[in-house]
Amino acid sequence: MKTAMPDTVNIQRESQEADGQGGFITSWGNVYQNIPARLNAKGASESIAAERLDTQLDFTLTVAYDQSIDPTDRVVHSSGTYAVQSVDTGKSWTLSKRCQMRQL
C-alpha cells in the first residue's frame, strides 16, 4: 500500500460559529489526519475574472475506497491546500476513491 499511496494528507471540514454580532466566523478543522493518499497533477485551466487571466491548477487525489471525503471538504498536503471539486463514487468493485481537486 505504501507505494500505491506514498503521500499523506489531512482532510478538513468547514465549521461556522456565531461571531456575537449577528454574523459567523468560518474555520476549517482536521477531521482525518495522516491519511495515505496519492496526489497527481492533472493540468491547468484558465479563465478571465476582473479583466485578468486566472490560472487554476487541477489535481487528482486517490484515497482508500472507504475513506470519508466530501465535495465540501478541503485537503492539506505538504505541497499546499486543495479544494475538493468532486468525489468519484458509485462504482462496483471499488478499490480506491478518486477526487478532483483544485489548488487554493
PDB file of N, CA and C in Angstrom:
ATOM      1  N   MET A   1       0.821  -1.194   0.000  1.00  0.00           N
ATOM      2  CA  MET A   1       0.000   0.000   0.000  1.00  0.00           C
ATOM      3  C   MET A   1       0.861   1.252   0.000  1.00  0.00           C
ATOM      4  N   LYS A   2       2.029   1.212   0.600  1.00  0.00           N
ATOM      5  CA  LYS A   2       2.903   2.383   0.687  1.00  0.00           C
ATOM      6  C   LYS A   2       3.284   2.899  -0.695  1.00  0.00           C
ATOM      7  N   THR A   3       3.573   2.029  -1.653  1.00  0.00           N
ATOM      8  CA  THR A   3       3.947   2.516  -2.974  1.00  0.00           C
ATOM      9  C   THR A   3       2.740   3.014  -3.753  1.00  0.00           C
ATOM     10  N   ALA A   4       1.555   2.455  -3.508  1.00  0.00           N
ATOM     11  CA  ALA A   4       0.354   2.920  -4.185  1.00  0.00           C
ATOM     12  C   ALA A   4      -0.111   4.259  -3.620  1.00  0.00           C
ATOM     13  N   MET A   5       0.115   4.480  -2.346  1.00  0.00           N
ATOM     14  CA  MET A   5      -0.310   5.713  -1.671  1.00  0.00           C
ATOM     15  C   MET A   5       0.884   6.297  -0.912  1.00  0.00           C
ATOM     16  N   PRO A   6       1.827   6.919  -1.632  1.00  0.00           N
ATOM     17  CA  PRO A   6       3.069   7.372  -0.998  1.00  0.00           C
ATOM     18  C   PRO A   6       2.958   8.669  -0.192  1.00  0.00           C
ATOM     19  N   ASP A   7       1.856   9.390  -0.337  1.00  0.00           N
ATOM     20  CA  ASP A   7       1.691  10.674   0.337  1.00  0.00           C
ATOM     21  C   ASP A   7       0.798  10.519   1.564  1.00  0.00           C
ATOM     22  N   THR A   8       0.756  11.542   2.381  1.00  0.00           N
ATOM     23  CA  THR A   8      -0.233  11.618   3.458  1.00  0.00           C
ATOM     24  C   THR A   8      -0.895  12.984   3.390  1.00  0.00           C
ATOM     25  N   VAL A   9      -2.190  13.004   3.714  1.00  0.00           N
ATOM     26  CA  VAL A   9      -2.956  14.249   3.677  1.00  0.00           C
ATOM     27  C   VAL A   9      -3.813  14.350   4.931  1.00  0.00           C
ATOM     28  N   ASN A  10      -4.241  15.569   5.206  1.00  0.00           N
ATOM     29  CA  ASN A  10      -5.242  15.828   6.238  1.00  0.00           C
ATOM     30  C   ASN A  10      -6.497  16.314   5.529  1.00  0.00           C
ATOM     31  N   ILE A  11      -7.638  15.769   5.917  1.00  0.00           N
ATOM     32  CA  ILE A  11      -8.913  16.190   5.345  1.00  0.00           C
ATOM     33  C   ILE A  11      -9.574  17.126   6.347  1.00  0.00           C
ATOM     34  N   GLN A  12      -9.995  18.293   5.844  1.00  0.00           N
ATOM     35  CA  GLN A  12     -10.585  19.311   6.707  1.00  0.00           C
ATOM     36  C   GLN A  12     -12.035  19.574   6.321  1.00  0.00           C
ATOM     37  N   ARG A  13     -12.831  19.933   7.332  1.00  0.00           N
ATOM     38  CA  ARG A  13     -14.229  20.325   7.115  1.00  0.00           C
ATOM     39  C   ARG A  13     -14.446  21.721   7.683  1.00  0.00           C
ATOM     40  N   GLU A  14     -15.344  22.426   7.040  1.00  0.00           N
ATOM     41  CA  GLU A  14     -15.672  23.792   7.433  1.00  0.00           C
ATOM     42  C   GLU A  14     -16.667  23.785   8.592  1.00  0.00           C
ATOM     43  N   SER A  15     -16.487  24.715   9.491  1.00  0.00           N
ATOM     44  CA  SER A  15     -17.472  24.925  10.555  1.00  0.00           C
ATOM     45  C   SER A  15     -17.688  26.421  10.710  1.00  0.00           C
ATOM     46  N   GLN A  16     -18.860  26.770  11.202  1.00  0.00           N
ATOM     47  CA  GLN A  16     -19.180  28.181  11.412  1.00  0.00           C
ATOM     48  C   GLN A  16     -19.626  28.384  12.847  1.00  0.00           C
ATOM     49  N   GLU A  17     -19.151  29.463  13.420  1.00  0.00           N
ATOM     50  CA  GLU A  17     -19.520  29.826  14.782  1.00  0.00           C
ATOM     51  C   GLU A  17     -20.026  31.261  14.773  1.00  0.00           C
ATOM     52  N   ALA A  18     -20.989  31.528  15.621  1.00  0.00           N
ATOM     53  CA  ALA A  18     -21.530  32.884  15.727  1.00  0.00           C
ATOM     54  C   ALA A  18     -20.430  33.823  16.200  1.00  0.00           C
ATOM     55  N   ASP A  19     -20.398  35.016  15.608  1.00  0.00           N
ATOM     56  CA  ASP A  19     -19.365  35.990  15.990  1.00  0.00           C
ATOM     57  C   ASP A  19     -19.855  36.979  17.047  1.00  0.00           C
ATOM     58  N   GLY A  20     -21.115  36.827  17.521  1.00  0.00           N
ATOM     59  CA  GLY A  20     -21.648  37.714  18.543  1.00  0.00           C
ATOM     60  C   GLY A  20     -22.212  39.017  18.005  1.00  0.00           C
ATOM     61  N   GLN A  21     -22.104  39.225  16.684  1.00  0.00           N
ATOM     62  CA  GLN A  21     -22.600  40.455  16.070  1.00  0.00           C
ATOM     63  C   GLN A  21     -23.607  40.153  14.965  1.00  0.00           C
ATOM     64  N   GLY A  22     -24.173  38.947  15.011  1.00  0.00           N
ATOM     65  CA  GLY A  22     -25.161  38.552  14.011  1.00  0.00           C
ATOM     66  C   GLY A  22     -24.576  37.859  12.800  1.00  0.00           C
ATOM     67  N   GLY A  23     -23.288  37.693  12.769  1.00  0.00           N
ATOM     68  CA  GLY A  23     -22.636  37.027  11.649  1.00  0.00           C
ATOM     69  C   GLY A  23     -21.981  35.736  12.092  1.00  0.00           C
ATOM     70  N   PHE A  24     -21.155  35.202  11.219  1.00  0.00           N
ATOM     71  CA  PHE A  24     -20.476  33.947  11.504  1.00  0.00           C
ATOM     72  C   PHE A  24     -18.994  34.039  11.191  1.00  0.00           C
ATOM     73  N   ILE A  25     -18.218  33.261  11.912  1.00  0.00           N
ATOM     74  CA  ILE A  25     -16.793  33.100  11.644  1.00  0.00           C
ATOM     75  C   ILE A  25     -16.613  31.692  11.088  1.00  0.00           C
ATOM     76  N   THR A  26     -15.998  31.613   9.926  1.00  0.00           N
ATOM     77  CA  THR A  26     -15.761  30.326   9.289  1.00  0.00           C
ATOM     78  C   THR A  26     -14.359  29.845   9.621  1.00  0.00           C
ATOM     79  N   SER A  27     -14.251  28.580   9.989  1.00  0.00           N
ATOM     80  CA  SER A  27     -12.931  27.996  10.238  1.00  0.00           C
ATOM     81  C   SER A  27     -12.909  26.580   9.676  1.00  0.00           C
ATOM     82  N   TRP A  28     -11.707  26.063   9.498  1.00  0.00           N
ATOM     83  CA  TRP A  28     -11.508  24.715   8.975  1.00  0.00           C
ATOM     84  C   TRP A  28     -10.754  23.907  10.021  1.00  0.00           C
ATOM     85  N   GLY A  29     -11.199  22.681  10.231  1.00  0.00           N
ATOM     86  CA  GLY A  29     -10.534  21.810  11.194  1.00  0.00           C
ATOM     87  C   GLY A  29     -10.318  20.422  10.621  1.00  0.00           C
ATOM     88  N   ASN A  30      -9.237  19.778  11.051  1.00  0.00           N
ATOM     89  CA  ASN A  30      -8.946  18.422  10.587  1.00  0.00           C
ATOM     90  C   ASN A  30      -9.987  17.450  11.126  1.00  0.00           C
ATOM     91  N   VAL A  31     -10.581  16.667  10.213  1.00  0.00           N
ATOM     92  CA  VAL A  31     -11.477  15.590  10.632  1.00  0.00           C
ATOM     93  C   VAL A  31     -10.801  14.230  10.458  1.00  0.00           C
ATOM     94  N   TYR A  32      -9.817  14.171   9.570  1.00  0.00           N
ATOM     95  CA  TYR A  32      -8.991  12.967   9.361  1.00  0.00           C
ATOM     96  C   TYR A  32      -7.554  13.434   9.159  1.00  0.00           C
ATOM     97  N   GLN A  33      -6.612  12.786   9.843  1.00  0.00           N
ATOM     98  CA  GLN A  33      -5.209  13.188   9.759  1.00  0.00           C
ATOM     99  C   GLN A  33      -4.333  12.035   9.291  1.00  0.00           C
ATOM    100  N   ASN A  34      -3.264  12.392   8.589  1.00  0.00           N
ATOM    101  CA  ASN A  34      -2.259  11.443   8.110  1.00  0.00           C
ATOM    102  C   ASN A  34      -2.875  10.291   7.321  1.00  0.00           C
ATOM    103  N   ILE A  35      -3.734  10.631   6.376  1.00  0.00           N
ATOM    104  CA  ILE A  35      -4.407   9.657   5.534  1.00  0.00           C
ATOM    105  C   ILE A  35      -3.490   9.284   4.371  1.00  0.00           C
ATOM    106  N   PRO A  36      -3.238   7.990   4.141  1.00  0.00           N
ATOM    107  CA  PRO A  36      -2.449   7.587   2.985  1.00  0.00           C
ATOM    108  C   PRO A  36      -3.178   8.000   1.698  1.00  0.00           C
ATOM    109  N   ALA A  37      -2.425   8.580   0.761  1.00  0.00           N
ATOM    110  CA  ALA A  37      -3.035   9.103  -0.462  1.00  0.00           C
ATOM    111  C   ALA A  37      -1.997   9.202  -1.574  1.00  0.00           C
ATOM    112  N   ARG A  38      -2.488   9.505  -2.757  1.00  0.00           N
ATOM    113  CA  ARG A  38      -1.636   9.833  -3.901  1.00  0.00           C
ATOM    114  C   ARG A  38      -2.219  11.081  -4.550  1.00  0.00           C
ATOM    115  N   LEU A  39      -1.397  12.105  -4.720  1.00  0.00           N
ATOM    116  CA  LEU A  39      -1.815  13.358  -5.340  1.00  0.00           C
ATOM    117  C   LEU A  39      -1.081  13.505  -6.661  1.00  0.00           C
ATOM    118  N   ASN A  40      -1.838  13.611  -7.758  1.00  0.00           N
ATOM    119  CA  ASN A  40      -1.257  13.740  -9.098  1.00  0.00           C
ATOM    120  C   ASN A  40      -1.729  15.023  -9.760  1.00  0.00           C
ATOM    121  N   ALA A  41      -0.808  15.726 -10.410  1.00  0.00           N
ATOM    122  CA  ALA A  41      -1.170  16.909 -11.190  1.00  0.00           C
ATOM    123  C   ALA A  41      -1.954  16.452 -12.412  1.00  0.00           C
ATOM    124  N   LYS A  42      -3.035  17.156 -12.690  1.00  0.00           N
ATOM    125  CA  LYS A  42      -3.909  16.801 -13.805  1.00  0.00           C
ATOM    126  C   LYS A  42      -3.772  17.784 -14.958  1.00  0.00           C
ATOM    127  N   GLY A  43      -3.488  19.032 -14.639  1.00  0.00           N
ATOM    128  CA  GLY A  43      -3.386  20.056 -15.670  1.00  0.00           C
ATOM    129  C   GLY A  43      -3.780  21.397 -15.097  1.00  0.00           C
ATOM    130  N   ALA A  44      -4.091  22.310 -15.986  1.00  0.00           N
ATOM    131  CA  ALA A  44      -4.471  23.653 -15.566  1.00  0.00           C
ATOM    132  C   ALA A  44      -5.617  24.137 -16.430  1.00  0.00           C
ATOM    133  N   SER A  45      -6.397  25.040 -15.868  1.00  0.00           N
ATOM    134  CA  SER A  45      -7.456  25.683 -16.628  1.00  0.00           C
ATOM    135  C   SER A  45      -7.316  27.186 -16.432  1.00  0.00           C
ATOM    136  N   GLU A  46      -7.738  27.926 -17.444  1.00  0.00           N
ATOM    137  CA  GLU A  46      -7.614  29.377 -17.386  1.00  0.00           C
ATOM    138  C   GLU A  46      -8.987  30.013 -17.540  1.00  0.00           C
ATOM    139  N   SER A  47      -9.172  31.136 -16.864  1.00  0.00           N
ATOM    140  CA  SER A  47     -10.400  31.910 -17.008  1.00  0.00           C
ATOM    141  C   SER A  47     -10.049  33.385 -16.840  1.00  0.00           C
ATOM    142  N   ILE A  48     -10.942  34.234 -17.289  1.00  0.00           N
ATOM    143  CA  ILE A  48     -10.735  35.665 -17.137  1.00  0.00           C
ATOM    144  C   ILE A  48     -11.722  36.166 -16.096  1.00  0.00           C
ATOM    145  N   ALA A  49     -11.188  36.789 -15.065  1.00  0.00           N
ATOM    146  CA  ALA A  49     -12.005  37.357 -13.996  1.00  0.00           C
ATOM    147  C   ALA A  49     -11.459  38.736 -13.665  1.00  0.00           C
ATOM    148  N   ALA A  50     -12.342  39.701 -13.576  1.00  0.00           N
ATOM    149  CA  ALA A  50     -11.960  41.082 -13.266  1.00  0.00           C
ATOM    150  C   ALA A  50     -10.869  41.574 -14.209  1.00  0.00           C
ATOM    151  N   GLU A  51     -11.037  41.242 -15.486  1.00  0.00           N
ATOM    152  CA  GLU A  51     -10.127  41.665 -16.550  1.00  0.00           C
ATOM    153  C   GLU A  51      -8.686  41.189 -16.366  1.00  0.00           C
ATOM    154  N   ARG A  52      -8.544  40.025 -15.727  1.00  0.00           N
ATOM    155  CA  ARG A  52      -7.207  39.438 -15.622  1.00  0.00           C
ATOM    156  C   ARG A  52      -7.311  37.932 -15.826  1.00  0.00           C
ATOM    157  N   LEU A  53      -6.249  37.360 -16.326  1.00  0.00           N
ATOM    158  CA  LEU A  53      -6.195  35.932 -16.580  1.00  0.00           C
ATOM    159  C   LEU A  53      -5.915  35.192 -15.280  1.00  0.00           C
ATOM    160  N   ASP A  54      -6.755  34.223 -14.961  1.00  0.00           N
ATOM    161  CA  ASP A  54      -6.614  33.437 -13.736  1.00  0.00           C
ATOM    162  C   ASP A  54      -6.334  31.994 -14.128  1.00  0.00           C
ATOM    163  N   THR A  55      -5.241  31.432 -13.629  1.00  0.00           N
ATOM    164  CA  THR A  55      -4.884  30.050 -13.912  1.00  0.00           C
ATOM    165  C   THR A  55      -5.105  29.206 -12.667  1.00  0.00           C
ATOM    166  N   GLN A  56      -5.859  28.120 -12.815  1.00  0.00           N
ATOM    167  CA  GLN A  56      -6.136  27.194 -11.726  1.00  0.00           C
ATOM    168  C   GLN A  56      -5.440  25.876 -12.004  1.00  0.00           C
ATOM    169  N   LEU A  57      -4.748  25.340 -11.005  1.00  0.00           N
ATOM    170  CA  LEU A  57      -4.088  24.050 -11.136  1.00  0.00           C
ATOM    171  C   LEU A  57      -5.025  22.961 -10.636  1.00  0.00           C
ATOM    172  N   ASP A  58      -5.205  21.916 -11.455  1.00  0.00           N
ATOM    173  CA  ASP A  58      -6.103  20.824 -11.130  1.00  0.00           C
ATOM    174  C   ASP A  58      -5.316  19.567 -10.791  1.00  0.00           C
ATOM    175  N   PHE A  59      -5.840  18.794  -9.838  1.00  0.00           N
ATOM    176  CA  PHE A  59      -5.173  17.588  -9.349  1.00  0.00           C
ATOM    177  C   PHE A  59      -6.182  16.473  -9.149  1.00  0.00           C
ATOM    178  N   THR A  60      -5.689  15.246  -9.118  1.00  0.00           N
ATOM    179  CA  THR A  60      -6.490  14.093  -8.750  1.00  0.00           C
ATOM    180  C   THR A  60      -5.905  13.515  -7.471  1.00  0.00           C
ATOM    181  N   LEU A  61      -6.761  13.314  -6.483  1.00  0.00           N
ATOM    182  CA  LEU A  61      -6.370  12.714  -5.212  1.00  0.00           C
ATOM    183  C   LEU A  61      -6.974  11.321  -5.148  1.00  0.00           C
ATOM    184  N   THR A  62      -6.146  10.334  -4.832  1.00  0.00           N
ATOM    185  CA  THR A  62      -6.618   8.967  -4.654  1.00  0.00           C
ATOM    186  C   THR A  62      -6.446   8.587  -3.194  1.00  0.00           C
ATOM    187  N   VAL A  63      -7.527   8.081  -2.593  1.00  0.00           N
ATOM    188  CA  VAL A  63      -7.519   7.618  -1.201  1.00  0.00           C
ATOM    189  C   VAL A  63      -8.164   6.228  -1.173  1.00  0.00           C
ATOM    190  N   ALA A  64      -8.128   5.587  -0.028  1.00  0.00           N
ATOM    191  CA  ALA A  64      -8.741   4.269   0.125  1.00  0.00           C
ATOM    192  C   ALA A  64     -10.240   4.341  -0.176  1.00  0.00           C
ATOM    193  N   TYR A  65     -10.795   3.256  -0.671  1.00  0.00           N
ATOM    194  CA  TYR A  65     -12.194   3.220  -1.090  1.00  0.00           C
ATOM    195  C   TYR A  65     -13.173   3.572   0.027  1.00  0.00           C
ATOM    196  N   ASP A  66     -12.796   3.314   1.278  1.00  0.00           N
ATOM    197  CA  ASP A  66     -13.709   3.549   2.395  1.00  0.00           C
ATOM    198  C   ASP A  66     -13.417   4.844   3.159  1.00  0.00           C
ATOM    199  N   GLN A  67     -12.534   5.672   2.613  1.00  0.00           N
ATOM    200  CA  GLN A  67     -12.210   6.943   3.275  1.00  0.00           C
ATOM    201  C   GLN A  67     -13.351   7.939   3.079  1.00  0.00           C
ATOM    202  N   SER A  68     -13.805   8.543   4.150  1.00  0.00           N
ATOM    203  CA  SER A  68     -14.845   9.564   4.074  1.00  0.00           C
ATOM    204  C   SER A  68     -14.226  10.871   3.567  1.00  0.00           C
ATOM    205  N   ILE A  69     -14.786  11.403   2.488  1.00  0.00           N
ATOM    206  CA  ILE A  69     -14.374  12.694   1.937  1.00  0.00           C
ATOM    207  C   ILE A  69     -15.540  13.228   1.113  1.00  0.00           C
ATOM    208  N   ASP A  70     -15.835  14.517   1.253  1.00  0.00           N
ATOM    209  CA  ASP A  70     -16.988  15.139   0.598  1.00  0.00           C
ATOM    210  C   ASP A  70     -16.553  16.276  -0.313  1.00  0.00           C
ATOM    211  N   PRO A  71     -17.388  16.622  -1.290  1.00  0.00           N
ATOM    212  CA  PRO A  71     -17.074  17.751  -2.177  1.00  0.00           C
ATOM    213  C   PRO A  71     -16.995  19.099  -1.455  1.00  0.00           C
ATOM    214  N   THR A  72     -17.438  19.166  -0.212  1.00  0.00           N
ATOM    215  CA  THR A  72     -17.340  20.416   0.552  1.00  0.00           C
ATOM    216  C   THR A  72     -16.075  20.483   1.400  1.00  0.00           C
ATOM    217  N   ASP A  73     -15.277  19.407   1.387  1.00  0.00           N
ATOM    218  CA  ASP A  73     -14.049  19.339   2.181  1.00  0.00           C
ATOM    219  C   ASP A  73     -12.897  20.025   1.465  1.00  0.00           C
ATOM    220  N   ARG A  74     -11.816  20.157   2.190  1.00  0.00           N
ATOM    221  CA  ARG A  74     -10.558  20.547   1.566  1.00  0.00           C
ATOM    222  C   ARG A  74      -9.470  19.647   2.130  1.00  0.00           C
ATOM    223  N   VAL A  75      -8.356  19.586   1.403  1.00  0.00           N
ATOM    224  CA  VAL A  75      -7.272  18.664   1.727  1.00  0.00           C
ATOM    225  C   VAL A  75      -5.981  19.447   1.877  1.00  0.00           C
ATOM    226  N   VAL A  76      -5.242  19.136   2.935  1.00  0.00           N
ATOM    227  CA  VAL A  76      -3.942  19.761   3.151  1.00  0.00           C
ATOM    228  C   VAL A  76      -2.872  18.701   2.902  1.00  0.00           C
ATOM    229  N   HIS A  77      -1.977  19.017   1.990  1.00  0.00           N
ATOM    230  CA  HIS A  77      -0.857  18.155   1.585  1.00  0.00           C
ATOM    231  C   HIS A  77       0.409  18.977   1.790  1.00  0.00           C
ATOM    232  N   SER A  78       1.534  18.351   1.842  1.00  0.00           N
ATOM    233  CA  SER A  78       2.785  19.100   2.045  1.00  0.00           C
ATOM    234  C   SER A  78       3.019  20.147   0.957  1.00  0.00           C
ATOM    235  N   SER A  79       2.407  19.960  -0.231  1.00  0.00           N
ATOM    236  CA  SER A  79       2.597  20.908  -1.325  1.00  0.00           C
ATOM    237  C   SER A  79       1.568  22.028  -1.352  1.00  0.00           C
ATOM    238  N   GLY A  80       0.566  21.983  -0.463  1.00  0.00           N
ATOM    239  CA  GLY A  80      -0.419  23.056  -0.433  1.00  0.00           C
ATOM    240  C   GLY A  80      -1.783  22.592   0.039  1.00  0.00           C
ATOM    241  N   THR A  81      -2.764  23.479  -0.145  1.00  0.00           N
ATOM    242  CA  THR A  81      -4.137  23.208   0.248  1.00  0.00           C
ATOM    243  C   THR A  81      -4.993  23.134  -1.015  1.00  0.00           C
ATOM    244  N   TYR A  82      -5.932  22.187  -1.032  1.00  0.00           N
ATOM    245  CA  TYR A  82      -6.720  21.891  -2.219  1.00  0.00           C
ATOM    246  C   TYR A  82      -8.198  21.806  -1.870  1.00  0.00           C
ATOM    247  N   ALA A  83      -9.044  22.378  -2.711  1.00  0.00           N
ATOM    248  CA  ALA A  83     -10.488  22.265  -2.547  1.00  0.00           C
ATOM    249  C   ALA A  83     -10.964  21.034  -3.302  1.00  0.00           C
ATOM    250  N   VAL A  84     -11.805  20.233  -2.662  1.00  0.00           N
ATOM    251  CA  VAL A  84     -12.382  19.064  -3.323  1.00  0.00           C
ATOM    252  C   VAL A  84     -13.473  19.560  -4.269  1.00  0.00           C
ATOM    253  N   GLN A  85     -13.353  19.230  -5.547  1.00  0.00           N
ATOM    254  CA  GLN A  85     -14.340  19.631  -6.546  1.00  0.00           C
ATOM    255  C   GLN A  85     -15.409  18.553  -6.737  1.00  0.00           C
ATOM    256  N   SER A  86     -14.986  17.289  -6.738  1.00  0.00           N
ATOM    257  CA  SER A  86     -15.924  16.177  -6.892  1.00  0.00           C
ATOM    258  C   SER A  86     -15.275  14.909  -6.354  1.00  0.00           C
ATOM    259  N   VAL A  87     -16.134  13.946  -6.006  1.00  0.00           N
ATOM    260  CA  VAL A  87     -15.685  12.661  -5.486  1.00  0.00           C
ATOM    261  C   VAL A  87     -16.271  11.572  -6.364  1.00  0.00           C
ATOM    262  N   ASP A  88     -15.417  10.698  -6.862  1.00  0.00           N
ATOM    263  CA  ASP A  88     -15.803   9.590  -7.725  1.00  0.00           C
ATOM    264  C   ASP A  88     -16.417   8.480  -6.867  1.00  0.00           C
ATOM    265  N   THR A  89     -17.721   8.267  -6.991  1.00  0.00           N
ATOM    266  CA  THR A  89     -18.406   7.243  -6.197  1.00  0.00           C
ATOM    267  C   THR A  89     -19.358   6.449  -7.083  1.00  0.00           C
ATOM    268  N   GLY A  90     -19.933   5.415  -6.514  1.00  0.00           N
ATOM    269  CA  GLY A  90     -20.983   4.678  -7.194  1.00  0.00           C
ATOM    270  C   GLY A  90     -20.535   3.628  -8.182  1.00  0.00           C
ATOM    271  N   LYS A  91     -19.309   3.156  -8.089  1.00  0.00           N
ATOM    272  CA  LYS A  91     -18.832   2.118  -8.991  1.00  0.00           C
ATOM    273  C   LYS A  91     -18.770   0.784  -8.253  1.00  0.00           C
ATOM    274  N   SER A  92     -18.998  -0.275  -8.970  1.00  0.00           N
ATOM    275  CA  SER A  92     -18.849  -1.592  -8.351  1.00  0.00           C
ATOM    276  C   SER A  92     -17.374  -1.973  -8.328  1.00  0.00           C
ATOM    277  N   TRP A  93     -17.009  -2.810  -7.410  1.00  0.00           N
ATOM    278  CA  TRP A  93     -15.628  -3.287  -7.248  1.00  0.00           C
ATOM    279  C   TRP A  93     -14.659  -2.129  -7.039  1.00  0.00           C
ATOM    280  N   THR A  94     -15.051  -1.200  -6.229  1.00  0.00           N
ATOM    281  CA  THR A  94     -14.217  -0.034  -5.959  1.00  0.00           C
ATOM    282  C   THR A  94     -13.029  -0.417  -5.074  1.00  0.00           C
ATOM    283  N   LEU A  95     -11.838  -0.109  -5.539  1.00  0.00           N
ATOM    284  CA  LEU A  95     -10.620  -0.364  -4.768  1.00  0.00           C
ATOM    285  C   LEU A  95     -10.032   0.907  -4.191  1.00  0.00           C
ATOM    286  N   SER A  96     -10.405   2.030  -4.782  1.00  0.00           N
ATOM    287  CA  SER A  96      -9.940   3.323  -4.295  1.00  0.00           C
ATOM    288  C   SER A  96     -10.996   4.365  -4.633  1.00  0.00           C
ATOM    289  N   LYS A  97     -10.838   5.533  -4.056  1.00  0.00           N
ATOM    290  CA  LYS A  97     -11.746   6.645  -4.307  1.00  0.00           C
ATOM    291  C   LYS A  97     -10.917   7.771  -4.893  1.00  0.00           C
ATOM    292  N   ARG A  98     -11.378   8.349  -6.002  1.00  0.00           N
ATOM    293  CA  ARG A  98     -10.663   9.458  -6.639  1.00  0.00           C
ATOM    294  C   ARG A  98     -11.450  10.743  -6.508  1.00  0.00           C
ATOM    295  N   CYS A  99     -10.722  11.804  -6.220  1.00  0.00           N
ATOM    296  CA  CYS A  99     -11.327  13.122  -6.041  1.00  0.00           C
ATOM    297  C   CYS A  99     -10.649  14.110  -6.986  1.00  0.00           C
ATOM    298  N   GLN A 100     -11.454  14.927  -7.617  1.00  0.00           N
ATOM    299  CA  GLN A 100     -10.921  16.005  -8.442  1.00  0.00           C
ATOM    300  C   GLN A 100     -10.720  17.205  -7.521  1.00  0.00           C
ATOM    301  N   MET A 101      -9.514  17.781  -7.604  1.00  0.00           N
ATOM    302  CA  MET A 101      -9.125  18.827  -6.670  1.00  0.00           C
ATOM    303  C   MET A 101      -8.669  20.080  -7.445  1.00  0.00           C
ATOM    304  N   ARG A 102      -8.765  21.205  -6.764  1.00  0.00           N
ATOM    305  CA  ARG A 102      -8.255  22.460  -7.298  1.00  0.00           C
ATOM    306  C   ARG A 102      -7.393  23.110  -6.221  1.00  0.00           C
ATOM    307  N   GLN A 103      -6.166  23.488  -6.592  1.00  0.00           N
ATOM    308  CA  GLN A 103      -5.275  24.097  -5.618  1.00  0.00           C
ATOM    309  C   GLN A 103      -5.761  25.489  -5.244  1.00  0.00           C
ATOM    310  N   LEU A 104      -5.743  25.772  -3.952  1.00  0.00           N
ATOM    311  CA  LEU A 104      -6.168  27.085  -3.454  1.00  0.00           C
ATOM    312  C   LEU A 104      -5.001  28.047  -3.402  1.00  0.00           C
TER     313      LEU A 104
END
